[in-house]
């Protein structure tokens, strides 16, 4: 059953991301698969495979639920999916509300910040990298606090 869900998530992601490329002009599905492979359990792997599906398609969580994906993963998918017109700080704060979304977003940011995948760094790349790095550090601290059962104590701005 578990492998079946993961296979379905991979097939769905491949269909949604068909023809899409990343900033290095590589197939976008490779990014999605790298995020999925960083997952430590089935929930992280499922969310990793699906993490950009809502942003890059017309699919809804209701439609994904009808395909058999677990409610817990779909709740986290809502948290990890950036909404139209949403500023980055608000988005990261919403990701931080959900432990699973936070863990997978850390995987996502780790992959996006791997500058070895780029041929060159532009000023726009550096600005984006710095913003992602600040988000990564904030989410990492919050995830560590959650694992230790500590209250959330980090508040801070992430540059636009």
N, C-alpha and C. Protein backbone atom coordinates (compact mmCIF):
# COMPACT_ATOMS: atom_id res chain seq x y z
N UNK A 1 0.83 -1.21 0.00
CA UNK A 1 0.00 0.00 0.00
C UNK A 1 0.87 1.27 0.00
N UNK A 2 1.89 1.28 0.88
CA UNK A 2 2.74 2.46 0.99
C UNK A 2 3.50 2.72 -0.31
N UNK A 3 4.08 1.68 -0.89
CA UNK A 3 4.82 1.86 -2.14
C UNK A 3 3.89 2.32 -3.25
N UNK A 4 2.66 1.82 -3.23
CA UNK A 4 1.67 2.20 -4.23
C UNK A 4 1.41 3.71 -4.17
N UNK A 5 1.27 4.26 -2.96
CA UNK A 5 1.05 5.70 -2.80
C UNK A 5 2.23 6.50 -3.33
N UNK A 6 3.43 6.05 -3.00
CA UNK A 6 4.62 6.78 -3.44
C UNK A 6 4.76 6.70 -4.96
N UNK A 7 4.50 5.55 -5.53
CA UNK A 7 4.55 5.41 -6.99
C UNK A 7 3.52 6.34 -7.65
N UNK A 8 2.33 6.42 -7.07
CA UNK A 8 1.30 7.31 -7.61
C UNK A 8 1.72 8.77 -7.51
N UNK A 9 2.36 9.14 -6.40
CA UNK A 9 2.82 10.52 -6.22
C UNK A 9 3.90 10.85 -7.25
N UNK A 10 4.80 9.91 -7.50
CA UNK A 10 5.87 10.13 -8.48
C UNK A 10 5.28 10.28 -9.88
N UNK A 11 4.34 9.40 -10.22
CA UNK A 11 3.70 9.48 -11.55
C UNK A 11 2.95 10.81 -11.72
N UNK A 12 2.24 11.22 -10.69
CA UNK A 12 1.50 12.47 -10.75
C UNK A 12 2.45 13.65 -10.90
N UNK A 13 3.52 13.66 -10.11
CA UNK A 13 4.51 14.75 -10.20
C UNK A 13 5.13 14.79 -11.59
N UNK A 14 5.46 13.63 -12.14
CA UNK A 14 6.06 13.58 -13.49
C UNK A 14 5.09 14.15 -14.52
N UNK A 15 3.82 13.85 -14.37
CA UNK A 15 2.81 14.37 -15.30
C UNK A 15 2.67 15.89 -15.17
N UNK A 16 2.57 16.36 -13.93
CA UNK A 16 2.40 17.80 -13.69
C UNK A 16 3.62 18.59 -14.18
N UNK A 17 4.81 18.07 -13.94
CA UNK A 17 6.03 18.82 -14.24
C UNK A 17 6.62 18.52 -15.61
N UNK A 18 5.90 17.74 -16.41
CA UNK A 18 6.38 17.40 -17.76
C UNK A 18 6.65 18.69 -18.55
N UNK A 19 7.86 18.78 -19.10
CA UNK A 19 8.23 19.94 -19.91
C UNK A 19 8.70 21.15 -19.12
N UNK A 20 8.57 21.14 -17.80
CA UNK A 20 9.02 22.27 -16.99
C UNK A 20 10.52 22.14 -16.74
N UNK A 21 11.19 23.28 -16.65
CA UNK A 21 12.62 23.28 -16.37
C UNK A 21 12.92 24.17 -15.17
N UNK A 22 14.06 23.94 -14.54
CA UNK A 22 14.48 24.77 -13.41
C UNK A 22 15.35 25.92 -13.92
N UNK A 23 15.96 26.66 -13.00
CA UNK A 23 16.78 27.81 -13.39
C UNK A 23 18.01 27.43 -14.20
N UNK A 24 18.45 26.19 -14.05
CA UNK A 24 19.61 25.72 -14.82
C UNK A 24 19.18 25.05 -16.12
N UNK A 25 17.90 25.18 -16.46
CA UNK A 25 17.31 24.60 -17.67
C UNK A 25 17.34 23.07 -17.67
N UNK A 26 17.35 22.48 -16.49
CA UNK A 26 17.26 21.02 -16.34
C UNK A 26 15.79 20.66 -16.08
N UNK A 27 15.40 19.43 -16.40
CA UNK A 27 14.01 19.03 -16.13
C UNK A 27 13.64 19.26 -14.66
N UNK A 28 12.53 19.96 -14.42
CA UNK A 28 12.13 20.31 -13.06
C UNK A 28 11.87 19.08 -12.20
N UNK A 29 11.44 18.00 -12.82
CA UNK A 29 11.14 16.79 -12.06
C UNK A 29 12.37 16.29 -11.31
N UNK A 30 13.57 16.60 -11.78
CA UNK A 30 14.78 16.18 -11.08
C UNK A 30 14.87 16.84 -9.70
N UNK A 31 14.50 18.12 -9.63
CA UNK A 31 14.45 18.82 -8.33
C UNK A 31 13.44 18.12 -7.42
N UNK A 32 12.27 17.83 -7.95
CA UNK A 32 11.22 17.19 -7.16
C UNK A 32 11.70 15.84 -6.63
N UNK A 33 12.36 15.07 -7.47
CA UNK A 33 12.85 13.76 -7.04
C UNK A 33 13.95 13.88 -5.99
N UNK A 34 14.81 14.89 -6.12
CA UNK A 34 15.85 15.08 -5.10
C UNK A 34 15.23 15.43 -3.75
N UNK A 35 14.20 16.28 -3.77
CA UNK A 35 13.50 16.63 -2.52
C UNK A 35 12.85 15.37 -1.94
N UNK A 36 12.19 14.59 -2.77
CA UNK A 36 11.54 13.37 -2.31
C UNK A 36 12.56 12.41 -1.69
N UNK A 37 13.70 12.26 -2.33
CA UNK A 37 14.71 11.30 -1.85
C UNK A 37 15.32 11.71 -0.51
N UNK A 38 15.24 12.97 -0.15
CA UNK A 38 15.75 13.42 1.15
C UNK A 38 14.81 13.02 2.28
N UNK A 39 13.58 12.64 1.94
CA UNK A 39 12.59 12.29 2.95
C UNK A 39 13.03 11.12 3.81
N UNK A 40 12.77 11.23 5.11
CA UNK A 40 13.18 10.20 6.06
C UNK A 40 12.11 9.15 6.31
N UNK A 41 10.88 9.42 5.89
CA UNK A 41 9.78 8.47 6.05
C UNK A 41 8.81 8.66 4.90
N UNK A 42 7.78 7.83 4.86
CA UNK A 42 6.84 7.87 3.74
C UNK A 42 6.15 9.22 3.63
N UNK A 43 5.73 9.82 4.74
CA UNK A 43 5.06 11.11 4.67
C UNK A 43 5.97 12.17 4.05
N UNK A 44 7.22 12.23 4.47
CA UNK A 44 8.16 13.20 3.90
C UNK A 44 8.39 12.92 2.43
N UNK A 45 8.47 11.66 2.05
CA UNK A 45 8.68 11.31 0.64
C UNK A 45 7.46 11.67 -0.20
N UNK A 46 6.27 11.37 0.30
CA UNK A 46 5.04 11.72 -0.43
C UNK A 46 4.95 13.23 -0.62
N UNK A 47 5.15 13.97 0.47
CA UNK A 47 5.07 15.43 0.38
C UNK A 47 6.19 15.97 -0.51
N UNK A 48 7.36 15.37 -0.45
CA UNK A 48 8.45 15.79 -1.33
C UNK A 48 8.08 15.63 -2.79
N UNK A 49 7.46 14.51 -3.13
CA UNK A 49 7.05 14.28 -4.52
C UNK A 49 5.95 15.25 -4.95
N UNK A 50 5.08 15.62 -4.02
CA UNK A 50 3.92 16.45 -4.35
C UNK A 50 4.13 17.94 -4.05
N UNK A 51 5.27 18.32 -3.50
CA UNK A 51 5.41 19.65 -2.89
C UNK A 51 5.14 20.83 -3.82
N UNK A 52 5.28 20.68 -5.11
CA UNK A 52 5.02 21.78 -6.04
C UNK A 52 3.80 21.56 -6.93
N UNK A 53 3.06 20.51 -6.68
CA UNK A 53 1.93 20.14 -7.54
C UNK A 53 0.83 21.20 -7.52
N UNK A 54 0.49 21.72 -6.35
CA UNK A 54 -0.59 22.73 -6.29
C UNK A 54 -0.18 24.04 -6.96
N UNK A 55 1.10 24.41 -6.80
CA UNK A 55 1.58 25.67 -7.38
C UNK A 55 1.71 25.60 -8.90
N UNK A 56 1.96 24.42 -9.45
CA UNK A 56 2.28 24.30 -10.86
C UNK A 56 1.22 23.54 -11.67
N UNK A 57 0.02 23.42 -11.10
CA UNK A 57 -1.08 22.77 -11.81
C UNK A 57 -2.40 23.36 -11.32
N UNK A 58 -3.46 22.86 -11.88
CA UNK A 58 -4.81 23.28 -11.46
C UNK A 58 -5.40 22.30 -10.46
N UNK A 59 -4.63 21.29 -10.04
CA UNK A 59 -5.12 20.30 -9.09
C UNK A 59 -5.41 20.92 -7.73
N UNK A 60 -6.34 20.32 -7.01
CA UNK A 60 -6.68 20.76 -5.66
C UNK A 60 -6.43 19.61 -4.68
N UNK A 61 -6.39 19.94 -3.40
CA UNK A 61 -6.21 18.89 -2.40
C UNK A 61 -7.43 17.95 -2.38
N UNK A 62 -8.59 18.45 -2.71
CA UNK A 62 -9.77 17.58 -2.78
C UNK A 62 -9.58 16.52 -3.86
N UNK A 63 -9.06 16.93 -5.00
CA UNK A 63 -8.79 15.97 -6.08
C UNK A 63 -7.69 14.98 -5.67
N UNK A 64 -6.69 15.46 -4.96
CA UNK A 64 -5.62 14.57 -4.50
C UNK A 64 -6.12 13.60 -3.44
N UNK A 65 -7.04 14.04 -2.60
CA UNK A 65 -7.64 13.14 -1.60
C UNK A 65 -8.42 12.03 -2.31
N UNK A 66 -9.10 12.37 -3.38
CA UNK A 66 -9.84 11.37 -4.15
C UNK A 66 -8.91 10.34 -4.78
N UNK A 67 -7.65 10.71 -4.97
CA UNK A 67 -6.65 9.79 -5.53
C UNK A 67 -6.03 8.92 -4.43
N UNK A 68 -6.46 9.12 -3.18
CA UNK A 68 -6.00 8.26 -2.08
C UNK A 68 -4.86 8.79 -1.25
N UNK A 69 -4.43 10.03 -1.49
CA UNK A 69 -3.34 10.57 -0.69
C UNK A 69 -3.84 10.92 0.71
N UNK A 70 -3.04 10.63 1.74
CA UNK A 70 -3.47 10.81 3.13
C UNK A 70 -3.76 12.27 3.49
N UNK A 71 -4.77 12.45 4.33
CA UNK A 71 -5.17 13.79 4.77
C UNK A 71 -4.01 14.53 5.42
N UNK A 72 -3.20 13.83 6.21
CA UNK A 72 -2.06 14.47 6.89
C UNK A 72 -1.09 15.07 5.88
N UNK A 73 -0.80 14.35 4.81
CA UNK A 73 0.12 14.84 3.78
C UNK A 73 -0.52 16.01 3.04
N UNK A 74 -1.81 15.93 2.79
CA UNK A 74 -2.49 17.01 2.05
C UNK A 74 -2.60 18.28 2.89
N UNK A 75 -2.76 18.14 4.20
CA UNK A 75 -2.74 19.32 5.08
C UNK A 75 -1.39 20.00 4.99
N UNK A 76 -0.32 19.21 5.03
CA UNK A 76 1.03 19.76 4.92
C UNK A 76 1.27 20.36 3.54
N UNK A 77 0.67 19.75 2.52
CA UNK A 77 0.80 20.28 1.16
C UNK A 77 0.20 21.68 1.08
N UNK A 78 -0.90 21.90 1.76
CA UNK A 78 -1.50 23.25 1.81
C UNK A 78 -0.54 24.24 2.46
N UNK A 79 0.18 23.80 3.47
CA UNK A 79 1.13 24.68 4.17
C UNK A 79 2.36 24.98 3.34
N UNK A 80 2.83 24.01 2.56
CA UNK A 80 4.08 24.18 1.82
C UNK A 80 3.87 24.84 0.46
N UNK A 81 2.62 24.98 0.04
CA UNK A 81 2.32 25.58 -1.26
C UNK A 81 2.11 27.08 -1.11
N UNK A 82 2.91 27.84 -1.84
CA UNK A 82 2.80 29.30 -1.78
C UNK A 82 1.57 29.75 -2.55
N UNK A 83 0.84 30.67 -1.97
CA UNK A 83 -0.40 31.16 -2.57
C UNK A 83 -0.13 32.37 -3.45
N UNK A 84 -0.97 32.55 -4.46
CA UNK A 84 -0.85 33.70 -5.35
C UNK A 84 -0.85 34.99 -4.54
N UNK A 85 0.13 35.86 -4.81
CA UNK A 85 0.20 37.16 -4.17
C UNK A 85 0.74 37.13 -2.75
N UNK A 86 1.12 35.98 -2.24
CA UNK A 86 1.60 35.86 -0.87
C UNK A 86 3.07 36.26 -0.78
N UNK A 87 3.40 37.14 0.17
CA UNK A 87 4.80 37.52 0.31
C UNK A 87 5.57 36.39 0.98
N UNK A 88 6.87 36.38 0.79
CA UNK A 88 7.72 35.27 1.20
C UNK A 88 7.72 35.08 2.72
N UNK A 89 7.73 36.17 3.48
CA UNK A 89 7.77 36.07 4.95
C UNK A 89 6.50 35.39 5.45
N UNK A 90 5.35 35.81 4.95
CA UNK A 90 4.08 35.20 5.35
C UNK A 90 4.06 33.73 4.97
N UNK A 91 4.57 33.44 3.78
CA UNK A 91 4.63 32.06 3.32
C UNK A 91 5.47 31.19 4.26
N UNK A 92 6.67 31.62 4.57
CA UNK A 92 7.56 30.85 5.44
C UNK A 92 6.94 30.69 6.84
N UNK A 93 6.31 31.73 7.35
CA UNK A 93 5.63 31.63 8.64
C UNK A 93 4.52 30.57 8.60
N UNK A 94 3.82 30.46 7.46
CA UNK A 94 2.76 29.46 7.33
C UNK A 94 3.35 28.06 7.22
N UNK A 95 4.46 27.93 6.51
CA UNK A 95 5.16 26.63 6.44
C UNK A 95 5.54 26.19 7.85
N UNK A 96 6.02 27.13 8.66
CA UNK A 96 6.50 26.82 10.01
C UNK A 96 5.39 26.35 10.95
N UNK A 97 4.14 26.51 10.57
CA UNK A 97 3.02 26.07 11.40
C UNK A 97 2.82 24.56 11.35
N UNK A 98 3.45 23.88 10.42
CA UNK A 98 3.23 22.45 10.21
C UNK A 98 4.57 21.73 10.18
N UNK A 99 4.78 20.81 11.10
CA UNK A 99 6.06 20.13 11.23
C UNK A 99 6.50 19.39 9.98
N UNK A 100 5.58 18.66 9.36
CA UNK A 100 5.92 17.92 8.15
C UNK A 100 6.26 18.88 7.01
N UNK A 101 5.47 19.92 6.84
CA UNK A 101 5.75 20.92 5.80
C UNK A 101 7.11 21.57 6.04
N UNK A 102 7.41 21.83 7.30
CA UNK A 102 8.68 22.47 7.64
C UNK A 102 9.86 21.56 7.27
N UNK A 103 9.76 20.27 7.60
CA UNK A 103 10.85 19.35 7.28
C UNK A 103 11.07 19.24 5.78
N UNK A 104 9.98 19.15 5.02
CA UNK A 104 10.11 19.01 3.57
C UNK A 104 10.57 20.33 2.94
N UNK A 105 10.15 21.46 3.49
CA UNK A 105 10.63 22.74 2.97
C UNK A 105 12.13 22.87 3.19
N UNK A 106 12.64 22.33 4.28
CA UNK A 106 14.09 22.33 4.49
C UNK A 106 14.78 21.51 3.41
N UNK A 107 14.19 20.36 3.03
CA UNK A 107 14.75 19.57 1.93
C UNK A 107 14.71 20.37 0.63
N UNK A 108 13.58 21.04 0.39
CA UNK A 108 13.39 21.84 -0.82
C UNK A 108 14.43 22.97 -0.89
N UNK A 109 14.57 23.69 0.21
CA UNK A 109 15.54 24.80 0.23
C UNK A 109 16.97 24.29 0.08
N UNK A 110 17.29 23.17 0.70
CA UNK A 110 18.63 22.60 0.56
C UNK A 110 18.95 22.34 -0.90
N UNK A 111 17.99 21.80 -1.62
CA UNK A 111 18.22 21.52 -3.04
C UNK A 111 18.31 22.81 -3.85
N UNK A 112 17.42 23.75 -3.58
CA UNK A 112 17.42 25.01 -4.34
C UNK A 112 18.67 25.84 -4.09
N UNK A 113 19.28 25.68 -2.91
CA UNK A 113 20.46 26.47 -2.58
C UNK A 113 21.76 25.79 -3.01
N UNK A 114 21.67 24.65 -3.66
CA UNK A 114 22.88 23.97 -4.15
C UNK A 114 23.36 24.69 -5.40
N UNK A 115 24.26 25.62 -5.22
CA UNK A 115 24.71 26.45 -6.34
C UNK A 115 25.54 25.66 -7.35
N UNK A 116 25.93 24.45 -7.00
CA UNK A 116 26.68 23.62 -7.95
C UNK A 116 25.81 23.27 -9.16
N UNK A 117 24.48 23.39 -9.01
CA UNK A 117 23.58 23.06 -10.10
C UNK A 117 23.47 24.19 -11.13
N UNK A 118 24.01 25.37 -10.80
CA UNK A 118 23.92 26.52 -11.69
C UNK A 118 25.21 26.69 -12.49
N UNK A 119 25.09 27.26 -13.66
CA UNK A 119 26.26 27.55 -14.48
C UNK A 119 26.93 28.86 -14.07
N UNK A 120 26.13 29.79 -13.57
CA UNK A 120 26.64 31.07 -13.10
C UNK A 120 25.68 31.64 -12.08
N UNK A 121 26.16 32.55 -11.27
CA UNK A 121 25.33 33.23 -10.27
C UNK A 121 25.11 34.67 -10.69
N UNK A 122 23.85 35.03 -10.85
CA UNK A 122 23.51 36.41 -11.17
C UNK A 122 23.19 37.14 -9.87
N UNK A 123 23.02 38.44 -9.94
CA UNK A 123 22.61 39.22 -8.77
C UNK A 123 21.27 38.72 -8.26
N UNK A 124 20.36 38.40 -9.17
CA UNK A 124 19.04 37.88 -8.77
C UNK A 124 19.19 36.54 -8.04
N UNK A 125 20.12 35.69 -8.52
CA UNK A 125 20.38 34.41 -7.85
C UNK A 125 20.88 34.65 -6.42
N UNK A 126 21.80 35.59 -6.26
CA UNK A 126 22.35 35.88 -4.94
C UNK A 126 21.29 36.41 -3.98
N UNK A 127 20.44 37.28 -4.48
CA UNK A 127 19.35 37.82 -3.64
C UNK A 127 18.42 36.68 -3.21
N UNK A 128 18.03 35.83 -4.15
CA UNK A 128 17.15 34.70 -3.87
C UNK A 128 17.83 33.74 -2.90
N UNK A 129 19.12 33.46 -3.12
CA UNK A 129 19.87 32.57 -2.26
C UNK A 129 19.89 33.10 -0.82
N UNK A 130 20.16 34.37 -0.64
CA UNK A 130 20.20 34.95 0.70
C UNK A 130 18.84 34.87 1.39
N UNK A 131 17.78 35.10 0.65
CA UNK A 131 16.43 35.00 1.20
C UNK A 131 16.14 33.55 1.60
N UNK A 132 16.51 32.61 0.74
CA UNK A 132 16.28 31.20 1.04
C UNK A 132 17.14 30.73 2.21
N UNK A 133 18.35 31.24 2.30
CA UNK A 133 19.23 30.87 3.40
C UNK A 133 18.66 31.35 4.74
N UNK A 134 18.14 32.56 4.78
CA UNK A 134 17.51 33.06 6.00
C UNK A 134 16.30 32.20 6.38
N UNK A 135 15.49 31.84 5.39
CA UNK A 135 14.33 30.98 5.65
C UNK A 135 14.79 29.61 6.15
N UNK A 136 15.82 29.06 5.54
CA UNK A 136 16.35 27.77 5.94
C UNK A 136 16.77 27.78 7.41
N UNK A 137 17.52 28.79 7.81
CA UNK A 137 17.99 28.86 9.20
C UNK A 137 16.83 29.02 10.17
N UNK A 138 15.86 29.83 9.82
CA UNK A 138 14.69 30.00 10.68
C UNK A 138 13.94 28.68 10.84
N UNK A 139 13.66 28.00 9.74
CA UNK A 139 12.93 26.73 9.80
C UNK A 139 13.74 25.65 10.51
N UNK A 140 15.04 25.64 10.31
CA UNK A 140 15.89 24.64 10.98
C UNK A 140 15.83 24.79 12.49
N UNK A 141 15.92 26.02 12.97
CA UNK A 141 15.85 26.26 14.42
C UNK A 141 14.48 25.85 14.95
N UNK A 142 13.43 26.22 14.24
CA UNK A 142 12.08 25.86 14.68
C UNK A 142 11.88 24.34 14.67
N UNK A 143 12.41 23.66 13.68
CA UNK A 143 12.29 22.20 13.62
C UNK A 143 13.05 21.55 14.77
N UNK A 144 14.22 22.06 15.09
CA UNK A 144 14.99 21.54 16.22
C UNK A 144 14.26 21.77 17.54
N UNK A 145 13.65 22.94 17.70
CA UNK A 145 12.88 23.22 18.91
C UNK A 145 11.68 22.28 19.02
N UNK A 146 11.02 22.03 17.90
CA UNK A 146 9.86 21.14 17.91
C UNK A 146 10.28 19.72 18.29
N UNK A 147 11.39 19.23 17.73
CA UNK A 147 11.89 17.89 18.04
C UNK A 147 12.22 17.76 19.53
N UNK A 148 12.73 18.83 20.11
CA UNK A 148 13.12 18.82 21.52
C UNK A 148 11.96 19.14 22.45
N UNK A 149 10.79 19.43 21.88
CA UNK A 149 9.63 19.77 22.70
C UNK A 149 9.73 21.13 23.35
N UNK A 150 10.54 22.01 22.78
CA UNK A 150 10.73 23.35 23.33
C UNK A 150 9.74 24.31 22.69
N UNK A 151 9.43 25.41 23.39
CA UNK A 151 8.55 26.42 22.77
C UNK A 151 9.27 27.13 21.62
N UNK A 152 8.49 27.63 20.71
CA UNK A 152 9.04 28.37 19.56
C UNK A 152 9.53 29.72 20.05
N UNK A 153 10.81 29.96 19.85
CA UNK A 153 11.37 31.22 20.37
C UNK A 153 11.98 32.09 19.31
N UNK A 154 12.00 31.64 18.08
CA UNK A 154 12.63 32.46 17.03
C UNK A 154 11.57 33.26 16.31
N UNK A 155 11.80 34.51 16.23
CA UNK A 155 10.99 35.42 15.42
C UNK A 155 11.98 36.26 14.67
N UNK A 156 11.70 36.51 13.46
CA UNK A 156 12.65 37.32 12.71
C UNK A 156 12.18 37.55 11.31
N UNK A 157 12.74 38.54 10.73
CA UNK A 157 12.38 38.90 9.36
C UNK A 157 13.27 38.16 8.38
N UNK A 158 12.65 37.79 7.29
CA UNK A 158 13.37 37.21 6.18
C UNK A 158 13.27 38.24 5.08
N UNK A 159 14.42 38.66 4.58
CA UNK A 159 14.44 39.71 3.58
C UNK A 159 13.70 39.33 2.31
N UNK A 160 13.03 40.29 1.72
CA UNK A 160 12.31 40.07 0.46
C UNK A 160 13.28 40.01 -0.65
